[in-house]
Every structure is written in C-alpha cells, then in structure tokens.
C-alpha cells in the first residue's frame, strides 16, 4: 500500500509537470498542486481508458492509468481547472486590487 502511494505521487509529479509544459501559462499551483493535478489526471486517464476500451473490467471504472493516460488526464484536468477554478480566482483577485486602489 505504501509503495502504491509513493508510485502515485511520483507518477502524479511527472504527469502534472508534463501537462504544465504542454500547456504553459500562469498557474500558481506549485509542486503540490502539480502532483495533485497529475494524480487526479491519472484516475481521469484510467476512467477514460476503461470507458473507451473496456479494459480491466475486473478492476472497475476508477483506476490509475499508465503514464500516457496519466499525462492525457492531467492535461484535461489542467484545462478544466483553468476554465472553472483559475478564471474565478483571477477575477476575484483583480477585483480586490481594483477596490484597493480607490
């Protein structure tokens, strides 16, 4: 179990870092956020692999994927984060600066 967690953290770091390189932009999420994006991306990639290819039916739909699926999933997670979470945070930060100047 400990080995699985360590592997998921390392895989998440690699997948999240590759996703941030493929999609450059001002993401103030740091290394911990990069790992979280990669780990969530790994499960998203595993789910998409299950849905698209029907592989590993005995393990269920929520499963970690390989490195390619993890990177694809991390890219999708980063895109969703930018469109949903990142934009609203940037707006509220801009508003607070605008009101602070007055």
PDB file of N, CA and C in Angstrom:
ATOM      1  N   UNK A   1       0.822  -1.197   0.000  1.00  0.00           N
ATOM      2  CA  UNK A   1       0.000   0.000   0.000  1.00  0.00           C
ATOM      3  C   UNK A   1       0.864   1.258   0.000  1.00  0.00           C
ATOM      4  N   UNK A   2       1.920   1.282   0.794  1.00  0.00           N
ATOM      5  CA  UNK A   2       2.807   2.439   0.840  1.00  0.00           C
ATOM      6  C   UNK A   2       3.500   2.617  -0.509  1.00  0.00           C
ATOM      7  N   UNK A   3       3.894   1.509  -1.117  1.00  0.00           N
ATOM      8  CA  UNK A   3       4.537   1.574  -2.423  1.00  0.00           C
ATOM      9  C   UNK A   3       3.589   2.160  -3.461  1.00  0.00           C
ATOM     10  N   UNK A   4       2.326   1.776  -3.417  1.00  0.00           N
ATOM     11  CA  UNK A   4       1.335   2.315  -4.347  1.00  0.00           C
ATOM     12  C   UNK A   4       1.209   3.825  -4.200  1.00  0.00           C
ATOM     13  N   UNK A   5       1.172   4.321  -2.965  1.00  0.00           N
ATOM     14  CA  UNK A   5       1.042   5.760  -2.724  1.00  0.00           C
ATOM     15  C   UNK A   5       2.269   6.503  -3.241  1.00  0.00           C
ATOM     16  N   UNK A   6       3.455   5.972  -2.979  1.00  0.00           N
ATOM     17  CA  UNK A   6       4.683   6.621  -3.445  1.00  0.00           C
ATOM     18  C   UNK A   6       4.734   6.639  -4.970  1.00  0.00           C
ATOM     19  N   UNK A   7       4.358   5.535  -5.599  1.00  0.00           N
ATOM     20  CA  UNK A   7       4.340   5.477  -7.066  1.00  0.00           C
ATOM     21  C   UNK A   7       3.326   6.469  -7.617  1.00  0.00           C
ATOM     22  N   UNK A   8       2.167   6.572  -7.009  1.00  0.00           N
ATOM     23  CA  UNK A   8       1.153   7.526  -7.475  1.00  0.00           C
ATOM     24  C   UNK A   8       1.641   8.966  -7.334  1.00  0.00           C
ATOM     25  N   UNK A   9       2.361   9.277  -6.253  1.00  0.00           N
ATOM     26  CA  UNK A   9       2.891  10.631  -6.071  1.00  0.00           C
ATOM     27  C   UNK A   9       3.930  10.937  -7.138  1.00  0.00           C
ATOM     28  N   UNK A  10       4.831   9.995  -7.394  1.00  0.00           N
ATOM     29  CA  UNK A  10       5.857  10.218  -8.412  1.00  0.00           C
ATOM     30  C   UNK A  10       5.245  10.297  -9.810  1.00  0.00           C
ATOM     31  N   UNK A  11       4.301   9.410 -10.103  1.00  0.00           N
ATOM     32  CA  UNK A  11       3.619   9.445 -11.388  1.00  0.00           C
ATOM     33  C   UNK A  11       2.828  10.748 -11.542  1.00  0.00           C
ATOM     34  N   UNK A  12       2.206  11.188 -10.463  1.00  0.00           N
ATOM     35  CA  UNK A  12       1.475  12.454 -10.488  1.00  0.00           C
ATOM     36  C   UNK A  12       2.384  13.636 -10.734  1.00  0.00           C
ATOM     37  N   UNK A  13       3.571  13.615 -10.137  1.00  0.00           N
ATOM     38  CA  UNK A  13       4.537  14.697 -10.357  1.00  0.00           C
ATOM     39  C   UNK A  13       4.965  14.743 -11.815  1.00  0.00           C
ATOM     40  N   UNK A  14       5.284  13.592 -12.379  1.00  0.00           N
ATOM     41  CA  UNK A  14       5.726  13.540 -13.775  1.00  0.00           C
ATOM     42  C   UNK A  14       4.592  13.950 -14.715  1.00  0.00           C
ATOM     43  N   UNK A  15       3.422  13.373 -14.539  1.00  0.00           N
ATOM     44  CA  UNK A  15       2.287  13.677 -15.422  1.00  0.00           C
ATOM     45  C   UNK A  15       1.866  15.138 -15.290  1.00  0.00           C
ATOM     46  N   UNK A  16       1.819  15.656 -14.069  1.00  0.00           N
ATOM     47  CA  UNK A  16       1.455  17.056 -13.868  1.00  0.00           C
ATOM     48  C   UNK A  16       2.479  18.007 -14.459  1.00  0.00           C
ATOM     49  N   UNK A  17       3.762  17.675 -14.325  1.00  0.00           N
ATOM     50  CA  UNK A  17       4.815  18.522 -14.884  1.00  0.00           C
ATOM     51  C   UNK A  17       4.758  18.534 -16.409  1.00  0.00           C
ATOM     52  N   UNK A  18       4.550  17.366 -17.010  1.00  0.00           N
ATOM     53  CA  UNK A  18       4.442  17.303 -18.470  1.00  0.00           C
ATOM     54  C   UNK A  18       3.210  18.078 -18.936  1.00  0.00           C
ATOM     55  N   UNK A  19       2.109  17.965 -18.224  1.00  0.00           N
ATOM     56  CA  UNK A  19       0.893  18.706 -18.587  1.00  0.00           C
ATOM     57  C   UNK A  19       1.128  20.209 -18.510  1.00  0.00           C
ATOM     58  N   UNK A  20       1.872  20.663 -17.506  1.00  0.00           N
ATOM     59  CA  UNK A  20       2.148  22.096 -17.382  1.00  0.00           C
ATOM     60  C   UNK A  20       3.125  22.569 -18.439  1.00  0.00           C
ATOM     61  N   UNK A  21       4.004  21.685 -18.917  1.00  0.00           N
ATOM     62  CA  UNK A  21       4.915  22.050 -20.008  1.00  0.00           C
ATOM     63  C   UNK A  21       4.156  22.117 -21.333  1.00  0.00           C
ATOM     64  N   UNK A  22       3.246  21.160 -21.544  1.00  0.00           N
ATOM     65  CA  UNK A  22       2.456  21.136 -22.778  1.00  0.00           C
ATOM     66  C   UNK A  22       1.506  22.327 -22.827  1.00  0.00           C
ATOM     67  N   UNK A  23       0.949  22.709 -21.695  1.00  0.00           N
ATOM     68  CA  UNK A  23       0.018  23.845 -21.605  1.00  0.00           C
ATOM     69  C   UNK A  23       0.640  24.948 -20.750  1.00  0.00           C
ATOM     70  N   UNK A  24       1.600  25.695 -21.288  1.00  0.00           N
ATOM     71  CA  UNK A  24       2.235  26.728 -20.471  1.00  0.00           C
ATOM     72  C   UNK A  24       1.243  27.839 -20.136  1.00  0.00           C
ATOM     73  N   UNK A  25       1.432  28.422 -19.003  1.00  0.00           N
ATOM     74  CA  UNK A  25       0.559  29.503 -18.575  1.00  0.00           C
ATOM     75  C   UNK A  25       0.834  29.838 -17.126  1.00  0.00           C
ATOM     76  N   UNK A  26       0.245  30.900 -16.649  1.00  0.00           N
ATOM     77  CA  UNK A  26       0.473  31.342 -15.267  1.00  0.00           C
ATOM     78  C   UNK A  26      -0.373  30.549 -14.270  1.00  0.00           C
ATOM     79  N   UNK A  27       0.067  29.364 -13.934  1.00  0.00           N
ATOM     80  CA  UNK A  27      -0.642  28.536 -12.966  1.00  0.00           C
ATOM     81  C   UNK A  27       0.096  28.597 -11.633  1.00  0.00           C
ATOM     82  N   UNK A  28      -0.396  29.368 -10.685  1.00  0.00           N
ATOM     83  CA  UNK A  28       0.278  29.483  -9.389  1.00  0.00           C
ATOM     84  C   UNK A  28      -0.092  28.328  -8.447  1.00  0.00           C
ATOM     85  N   UNK A  29       0.182  27.089  -8.862  1.00  0.00           N
ATOM     86  CA  UNK A  29      -0.238  25.953  -8.047  1.00  0.00           C
ATOM     87  C   UNK A  29       0.925  25.275  -7.344  1.00  0.00           C
ATOM     88  N   UNK A  30       2.159  25.563  -7.720  1.00  0.00           N
ATOM     89  CA  UNK A  30       3.309  24.984  -7.038  1.00  0.00           C
ATOM     90  C   UNK A  30       3.471  23.494  -7.294  1.00  0.00           C
ATOM     91  N   UNK A  31       4.417  22.901  -6.578  1.00  0.00           N
ATOM     92  CA  UNK A  31       4.732  21.483  -6.796  1.00  0.00           C
ATOM     93  C   UNK A  31       3.636  20.580  -6.243  1.00  0.00           C
ATOM     94  N   UNK A  32       3.047  20.943  -5.111  1.00  0.00           N
ATOM     95  CA  UNK A  32       1.967  20.131  -4.545  1.00  0.00           C
ATOM     96  C   UNK A  32       0.754  20.129  -5.464  1.00  0.00           C
ATOM     97  N   UNK A  33       0.424  21.282  -6.022  1.00  0.00           N
ATOM     98  CA  UNK A  33      -0.679  21.360  -6.970  1.00  0.00           C
ATOM     99  C   UNK A  33      -0.400  20.581  -8.234  1.00  0.00           C
ATOM    100  N   UNK A  34       0.859  20.584  -8.670  1.00  0.00           N
ATOM    101  CA  UNK A  34       1.250  19.807  -9.845  1.00  0.00           C
ATOM    102  C   UNK A  34       1.066  18.319  -9.594  1.00  0.00           C
ATOM    103  N   UNK A  35       1.444  17.866  -8.404  1.00  0.00           N
ATOM    104  CA  UNK A  35       1.257  16.457  -8.045  1.00  0.00           C
ATOM    105  C   UNK A  35      -0.223  16.110  -8.003  1.00  0.00           C
ATOM    106  N   UNK A  36      -1.032  16.983  -7.428  1.00  0.00           N
ATOM    107  CA  UNK A  36      -2.476  16.726  -7.337  1.00  0.00           C
ATOM    108  C   UNK A  36      -3.095  16.667  -8.730  1.00  0.00           C
ATOM    109  N   UNK A  37      -2.701  17.589  -9.618  1.00  0.00           N
ATOM    110  CA  UNK A  37      -3.201  17.568 -10.996  1.00  0.00           C
ATOM    111  C   UNK A  37      -2.815  16.256 -11.663  1.00  0.00           C
ATOM    112  N   UNK A  38      -1.588  15.792 -11.461  1.00  0.00           N
ATOM    113  CA  UNK A  38      -1.134  14.546 -12.067  1.00  0.00           C
ATOM    114  C   UNK A  38      -1.840  13.322 -11.520  1.00  0.00           C
ATOM    115  N   UNK A  39      -2.050  13.276 -10.200  1.00  0.00           N
ATOM    116  CA  UNK A  39      -2.729  12.118  -9.601  1.00  0.00           C
ATOM    117  C   UNK A  39      -4.190  12.068 -10.045  1.00  0.00           C
ATOM    118  N   UNK A  40      -4.857  13.208 -10.010  1.00  0.00           N
ATOM    119  CA  UNK A  40      -6.248  13.242 -10.485  1.00  0.00           C
ATOM    120  C   UNK A  40      -6.287  12.897 -11.972  1.00  0.00           C
ATOM    121  N   UNK A  41      -5.309  13.406 -12.728  1.00  0.00           N
ATOM    122  CA  UNK A  41      -5.218  13.093 -14.152  1.00  0.00           C
ATOM    123  C   UNK A  41      -5.011  11.614 -14.409  1.00  0.00           C
ATOM    124  N   UNK A  42      -4.280  10.942 -13.522  1.00  0.00           N
ATOM    125  CA  UNK A  42      -4.077   9.510 -13.666  1.00  0.00           C
ATOM    126  C   UNK A  42      -5.394   8.758 -13.542  1.00  0.00           C
ATOM    127  N   UNK A  43      -6.212   9.145 -12.590  1.00  0.00           N
ATOM    128  CA  UNK A  43      -7.512   8.496 -12.440  1.00  0.00           C
ATOM    129  C   UNK A  43      -8.465   8.870 -13.575  1.00  0.00           C
ATOM    130  N   UNK A  44      -8.381  10.107 -14.054  1.00  0.00           N
ATOM    131  CA  UNK A  44      -9.192  10.504 -15.208  1.00  0.00           C
ATOM    132  C   UNK A  44      -8.771   9.693 -16.429  1.00  0.00           C
ATOM    133  N   UNK A  45      -7.455   9.542 -16.634  1.00  0.00           N
ATOM    134  CA  UNK A  45      -6.965   8.731 -17.745  1.00  0.00           C
ATOM    135  C   UNK A  45      -7.385   7.274 -17.615  1.00  0.00           C
ATOM    136  N   UNK A  46      -7.362   6.735 -16.401  1.00  0.00           N
ATOM    137  CA  UNK A  46      -7.824   5.365 -16.177  1.00  0.00           C
ATOM    138  C   UNK A  46      -9.297   5.205 -16.463  1.00  0.00           C
ATOM    139  N   UNK A  47     -10.086   6.187 -16.068  1.00  0.00           N
ATOM    140  CA  UNK A  47     -11.519   6.141 -16.331  1.00  0.00           C
ATOM    141  C   UNK A  47     -11.797   6.214 -17.828  1.00  0.00           C
ATOM    142  N   UNK A  48     -11.101   7.132 -18.517  1.00  0.00           N
ATOM    143  CA  UNK A  48     -11.302   7.253 -19.964  1.00  0.00           C
ATOM    144  C   UNK A  48     -10.866   5.980 -20.691  1.00  0.00           C
ATOM    145  N   UNK A  49      -9.771   5.381 -20.251  1.00  0.00           N
ATOM    146  CA  UNK A  49      -9.334   4.121 -20.845  1.00  0.00           C
ATOM    147  C   UNK A  49     -10.350   3.020 -20.643  1.00  0.00           C
ATOM    148  N   UNK A  50     -10.950   2.985 -19.459  1.00  0.00           N
ATOM    149  CA  UNK A  50     -11.989   1.992 -19.164  1.00  0.00           C
ATOM    150  C   UNK A  50     -13.214   2.211 -20.044  1.00  0.00           C
ATOM    151  N   UNK A  51     -13.630   3.479 -20.170  1.00  0.00           N
ATOM    152  CA  UNK A  51     -14.821   3.790 -20.958  1.00  0.00           C
ATOM    153  C   UNK A  51     -14.577   3.545 -22.448  1.00  0.00           C
ATOM    154  N   UNK A  52     -13.426   3.968 -22.949  1.00  0.00           N
ATOM    155  CA  UNK A  52     -13.166   3.866 -24.383  1.00  0.00           C
ATOM    156  C   UNK A  52     -12.818   2.450 -24.828  1.00  0.00           C
ATOM    157  N   UNK A  53     -12.023   1.745 -24.016  1.00  0.00           N
ATOM    158  CA  UNK A  53     -11.507   0.456 -24.455  1.00  0.00           C
ATOM    159  C   UNK A  53     -12.083  -0.730 -23.687  1.00  0.00           C
ATOM    160  N   UNK A  54     -12.713  -0.493 -22.548  1.00  0.00           N
ATOM    161  CA  UNK A  54     -13.306  -1.568 -21.767  1.00  0.00           C
ATOM    162  C   UNK A  54     -12.280  -2.532 -21.189  1.00  0.00           C
ATOM    163  N   UNK A  55     -11.065  -2.076 -20.984  1.00  0.00           N
ATOM    164  CA  UNK A  55     -10.014  -2.937 -20.437  1.00  0.00           C
ATOM    165  C   UNK A  55     -10.138  -3.019 -18.926  1.00  0.00           C
ATOM    166  N   UNK A  56      -9.581  -4.053 -18.352  1.00  0.00           N
ATOM    167  CA  UNK A  56      -9.531  -4.255 -16.902  1.00  0.00           C
ATOM    168  C   UNK A  56     -10.917  -4.164 -16.265  1.00  0.00           C
ATOM    169  N   UNK A  57     -11.842  -4.900 -16.804  1.00  0.00           N
ATOM    170  CA  UNK A  57     -13.212  -4.843 -16.300  1.00  0.00           C
ATOM    171  C   UNK A  57     -13.306  -5.300 -14.856  1.00  0.00           C
ATOM    172  N   UNK A  58     -12.398  -6.177 -14.423  1.00  0.00           N
ATOM    173  CA  UNK A  58     -12.426  -6.671 -13.057  1.00  0.00           C
ATOM    174  C   UNK A  58     -12.006  -5.638 -12.031  1.00  0.00           C
ATOM    175  N   UNK A  59     -11.271  -4.607 -12.439  1.00  0.00           N
ATOM    176  CA  UNK A  59     -10.780  -3.599 -11.505  1.00  0.00           C
ATOM    177  C   UNK A  59     -11.749  -2.443 -11.308  1.00  0.00           C
ATOM    178  N   UNK A  60     -12.717  -2.289 -12.163  1.00  0.00           N
ATOM    179  CA  UNK A  60     -13.687  -1.214 -12.021  1.00  0.00           C
ATOM    180  C   UNK A  60     -13.310   0.004 -12.845  1.00  0.00           C
ATOM    181  N   UNK A  61     -14.202   0.975 -12.862  1.00  0.00           N
ATOM    182  CA  UNK A  61     -14.013   2.150 -13.710  1.00  0.00           C
ATOM    183  C   UNK A  61     -13.014   3.139 -13.130  1.00  0.00           C
ATOM    184  N   UNK A  62     -12.880   3.217 -11.829  1.00  0.00           N
ATOM    185  CA  UNK A  62     -11.976   4.181 -11.211  1.00  0.00           C
ATOM    186  C   UNK A  62     -10.666   3.482 -10.896  1.00  0.00           C
ATOM    187  N   UNK A  63      -9.677   3.696 -11.748  1.00  0.00           N
ATOM    188  CA  UNK A  63      -8.396   3.037 -11.581  1.00  0.00           C
ATOM    189  C   UNK A  63      -7.291   3.936 -12.112  1.00  0.00           C
ATOM    190  N   UNK A  64      -6.084   3.809 -11.592  1.00  0.00           N
ATOM    191  CA  UNK A  64      -4.988   4.601 -12.133  1.00  0.00           C
ATOM    192  C   UNK A  64      -4.594   4.058 -13.505  1.00  0.00           C
ATOM    193  N   UNK A  65      -4.075   4.945 -14.339  1.00  0.00           N
ATOM    194  CA  UNK A  65      -3.675   4.524 -15.672  1.00  0.00           C
ATOM    195  C   UNK A  65      -2.160   4.554 -15.806  1.00  0.00           C
ATOM    196  N   UNK A  66      -1.673   4.217 -16.978  1.00  0.00           N
ATOM    197  CA  UNK A  66      -0.252   4.285 -17.265  1.00  0.00           C
ATOM    198  C   UNK A  66       0.187   5.716 -17.470  1.00  0.00           C
ATOM    199  N   UNK A  67       1.443   5.898 -17.818  1.00  0.00           N
ATOM    200  CA  UNK A  67       1.996   7.244 -17.928  1.00  0.00           C
ATOM    201  C   UNK A  67       1.339   8.048 -19.047  1.00  0.00           C
ATOM    202  N   UNK A  68       1.050   7.431 -20.186  1.00  0.00           N
ATOM    203  CA  UNK A  68       0.413   8.160 -21.295  1.00  0.00           C
ATOM    204  C   UNK A  68      -0.997   8.594 -20.901  1.00  0.00           C
ATOM    205  N   UNK A  69      -1.769   7.685 -20.334  1.00  0.00           N
ATOM    206  CA  UNK A  69      -3.114   8.031 -19.881  1.00  0.00           C
ATOM    207  C   UNK A  69      -3.090   9.068 -18.773  1.00  0.00           C
ATOM    208  N   UNK A  70      -2.074   8.999 -17.909  1.00  0.00           N
ATOM    209  CA  UNK A  70      -1.949   9.981 -16.832  1.00  0.00           C
ATOM    210  C   UNK A  70      -1.666  11.368 -17.377  1.00  0.00           C
ATOM    211  N   UNK A  71      -0.818  11.446 -18.382  1.00  0.00           N
ATOM    212  CA  UNK A  71      -0.495  12.746 -18.974  1.00  0.00           C
ATOM    213  C   UNK A  71      -1.718  13.321 -19.680  1.00  0.00           C
ATOM    214  N   UNK A  72      -2.418  12.501 -20.446  1.00  0.00           N
ATOM    215  CA  UNK A  72      -3.631  12.966 -21.128  1.00  0.00           C
ATOM    216  C   UNK A  72      -4.671  13.417 -20.096  1.00  0.00           C
ATOM    217  N   UNK A  73      -4.852  12.629 -19.051  1.00  0.00           N
ATOM    218  CA  UNK A  73      -5.796  13.005 -18.000  1.00  0.00           C
ATOM    219  C   UNK A  73      -5.379  14.276 -17.285  1.00  0.00           C
ATOM    220  N   UNK A  74      -4.067  14.438 -17.023  1.00  0.00           N
ATOM    221  CA  UNK A  74      -3.573  15.650 -16.351  1.00  0.00           C
ATOM    222  C   UNK A  74      -3.778  16.883 -17.220  1.00  0.00           C
ATOM    223  N   UNK A  75      -3.612  16.733 -18.532  1.00  0.00           N
ATOM    224  CA  UNK A  75      -3.871  17.857 -19.436  1.00  0.00           C
ATOM    225  C   UNK A  75      -5.345  18.242 -19.374  1.00  0.00           C
ATOM    226  N   UNK A  76      -6.227  17.257 -19.377  1.00  0.00           N
ATOM    227  CA  UNK A  76      -7.662  17.539 -19.276  1.00  0.00           C
ATOM    228  C   UNK A  76      -8.009  18.202 -17.944  1.00  0.00           C
ATOM    229  N   UNK A  77      -7.426  17.696 -16.850  1.00  0.00           N
ATOM    230  CA  UNK A  77      -7.688  18.276 -15.530  1.00  0.00           C
ATOM    231  C   UNK A  77      -7.194  19.721 -15.475  1.00  0.00           C
ATOM    232  N   UNK A  78      -6.012  19.986 -16.042  1.00  0.00           N
ATOM    233  CA  UNK A  78      -5.467  21.340 -16.043  1.00  0.00           C
ATOM    234  C   UNK A  78      -6.336  22.282 -16.873  1.00  0.00           C
ATOM    235  N   UNK A  79      -6.836  21.804 -18.000  1.00  0.00           N
ATOM    236  CA  UNK A  79      -7.738  22.629 -18.809  1.00  0.00           C
ATOM    237  C   UNK A  79      -9.025  22.950 -18.053  1.00  0.00           C
ATOM    238  N   UNK A  80      -9.593  21.953 -17.396  1.00  0.00           N
ATOM    239  CA  UNK A  80     -10.815  22.176 -16.620  1.00  0.00           C
ATOM    240  C   UNK A  80     -10.540  23.127 -15.467  1.00  0.00           C
ATOM    241  N   UNK A  81      -9.419  22.950 -14.783  1.00  0.00           N
ATOM    242  CA  UNK A  81      -9.077  23.824 -13.661  1.00  0.00           C
ATOM    243  C   UNK A  81      -8.935  25.265 -14.117  1.00  0.00           C
ATOM    244  N   UNK A  82      -8.283  25.468 -15.258  1.00  0.00           N
ATOM    245  CA  UNK A  82      -8.121  26.832 -15.776  1.00  0.00           C
ATOM    246  C   UNK A  82      -9.454  27.447 -16.153  1.00  0.00           C
ATOM    247  N   UNK A  83     -10.356  26.661 -16.737  1.00  0.00           N
ATOM    248  CA  UNK A  83     -11.633  27.206 -17.185  1.00  0.00           C
ATOM    249  C   UNK A  83     -12.631  27.391 -16.058  1.00  0.00           C
ATOM    250  N   UNK A  84     -12.534  26.577 -15.023  1.00  0.00           N
ATOM    251  CA  UNK A  84     -13.504  26.662 -13.932  1.00  0.00           C
ATOM    252  C   UNK A  84     -12.920  27.402 -12.732  1.00  0.00           C
ATOM    253  N   UNK A  85     -11.861  26.883 -12.188  1.00  0.00           N
ATOM    254  CA  UNK A  85     -11.307  27.436 -10.955  1.00  0.00           C
ATOM    255  C   UNK A  85     -10.366  28.590 -11.153  1.00  0.00           C
ATOM    256  N   UNK A  86      -9.507  28.516 -12.123  1.00  0.00           N
ATOM    257  CA  UNK A  86      -8.483  29.542 -12.314  1.00  0.00           C
ATOM    258  C   UNK A  86      -9.057  30.884 -12.699  1.00  0.00           C
ATOM    259  N   UNK A  87     -10.077  30.884 -13.529  1.00  0.00           N
ATOM    260  CA  UNK A  87     -10.640  32.141 -14.005  1.00  0.00           C
ATOM    261  C   UNK A  87     -11.369  32.884 -12.894  1.00  0.00           C
ATOM    262  N   UNK A  88     -12.129  32.175 -12.063  1.00  0.00           N
ATOM    263  CA  UNK A  88     -12.862  32.844 -10.983  1.00  0.00           C
ATOM    264  C   UNK A  88     -11.900  33.384  -9.938  1.00  0.00           C
ATOM    265  N   UNK A  89     -10.786  32.684  -9.678  1.00  0.00           N
ATOM    266  CA  UNK A  89      -9.790  33.167  -8.735  1.00  0.00           C
ATOM    267  C   UNK A  89      -9.119  34.414  -9.275  1.00  0.00           C
ATOM    268  N   UNK A  90      -8.811  34.431 -10.553  1.00  0.00           N
ATOM    269  CA  UNK A  90      -8.168  35.588 -11.155  1.00  0.00           C
ATOM    270  C   UNK A  90      -9.104  36.795 -11.124  1.00  0.00           C
ATOM    271  N   UNK A  91     -10.380  36.582 -11.350  1.00  0.00           N
ATOM    272  CA  UNK A  91     -11.337  37.681 -11.314  1.00  0.00           C
ATOM    273  C   UNK A  91     -11.446  38.275  -9.921  1.00  0.00           C
ATOM    274  N   UNK A  92     -11.550  37.445  -8.917  1.00  0.00           N
ATOM    275  CA  UNK A  92     -11.700  37.974  -7.562  1.00  0.00           C
ATOM    276  C   UNK A  92     -10.431  38.694  -7.131  1.00  0.00           C
ATOM    277  N   UNK A  93      -9.270  38.213  -7.575  1.00  0.00           N
ATOM    278  CA  UNK A  93      -8.011  38.871  -7.236  1.00  0.00           C
ATOM    279  C   UNK A  93      -7.928  40.230  -7.933  1.00  0.00           C
ATOM    280  N   UNK A  94      -8.381  40.310  -9.184  1.00  0.00           N
ATOM    281  CA  UNK A  94      -8.374  41.567  -9.921  1.00  0.00           C
ATOM    282  C   UNK A  94      -9.335  42.550  -9.276  1.00  0.00           C
ATOM    283  N   UNK A  95     -10.503  42.074  -8.863  1.00  0.00           N
ATOM    284  CA  UNK A  95     -11.474  42.951  -8.209  1.00  0.00           C
ATOM    285  C   UNK A  95     -10.934  43.517  -6.914  1.00  0.00           C
ATOM    286  N   UNK A  96     -10.255  42.681  -6.127  1.00  0.00           N
ATOM    287  CA  UNK A  96      -9.739  43.173  -4.857  1.00  0.00           C
ATOM    288  C   UNK A  96      -8.666  44.213  -5.076  1.00  0.00           C
ATOM    289  N   UNK A  97      -7.847  44.061  -6.128  1.00  0.00           N
ATOM    290  CA  UNK A  97      -6.835  45.093  -6.421  1.00  0.00           C
ATOM    291  C   UNK A  97      -7.508  46.384  -6.881  1.00  0.00           C
ATOM    292  N   UNK A  98      -8.577  46.263  -7.667  1.00  0.00           N
ATOM    293  CA  UNK A  98      -9.266  47.440  -8.181  1.00  0.00           C
ATOM    294  C   UNK A  98      -9.868  48.245  -7.029  1.00  0.00           C
ATOM    295  N   UNK A  99     -10.464  47.565  -6.052  1.00  0.00           N
ATOM    296  CA  UNK A  99     -11.076  48.270  -4.928  1.00  0.00           C
ATOM    297  C   UNK A  99     -10.027  48.799  -3.959  1.00  0.00           C
ATOM    298  N   UNK A 100      -8.870  48.193  -3.904  1.00  0.00           N
ATOM    299  CA  UNK A 100      -7.823  48.655  -3.014  1.00  0.00           C
ATOM    300  C   UNK A 100      -7.234  49.972  -3.508  1.00  0.00           C
ATOM    301  N   UNK A 101      -7.269  50.232  -4.793  1.00  0.00           N
ATOM    302  CA  UNK A 101      -6.711  51.474  -5.357  1.00  0.00           C
ATOM    303  C   UNK A 101      -7.588  52.670  -5.071  1.00  0.00           C
ATOM    304  N   UNK A 102      -8.868  52.464  -4.847  1.00  0.00           N
ATOM    305  CA  UNK A 102      -9.807  53.588  -4.658  1.00  0.00           C
ATOM    306  C   UNK A 102      -9.678  54.192  -3.324  1.00  0.00           C
TER     307      UNK A 102
END
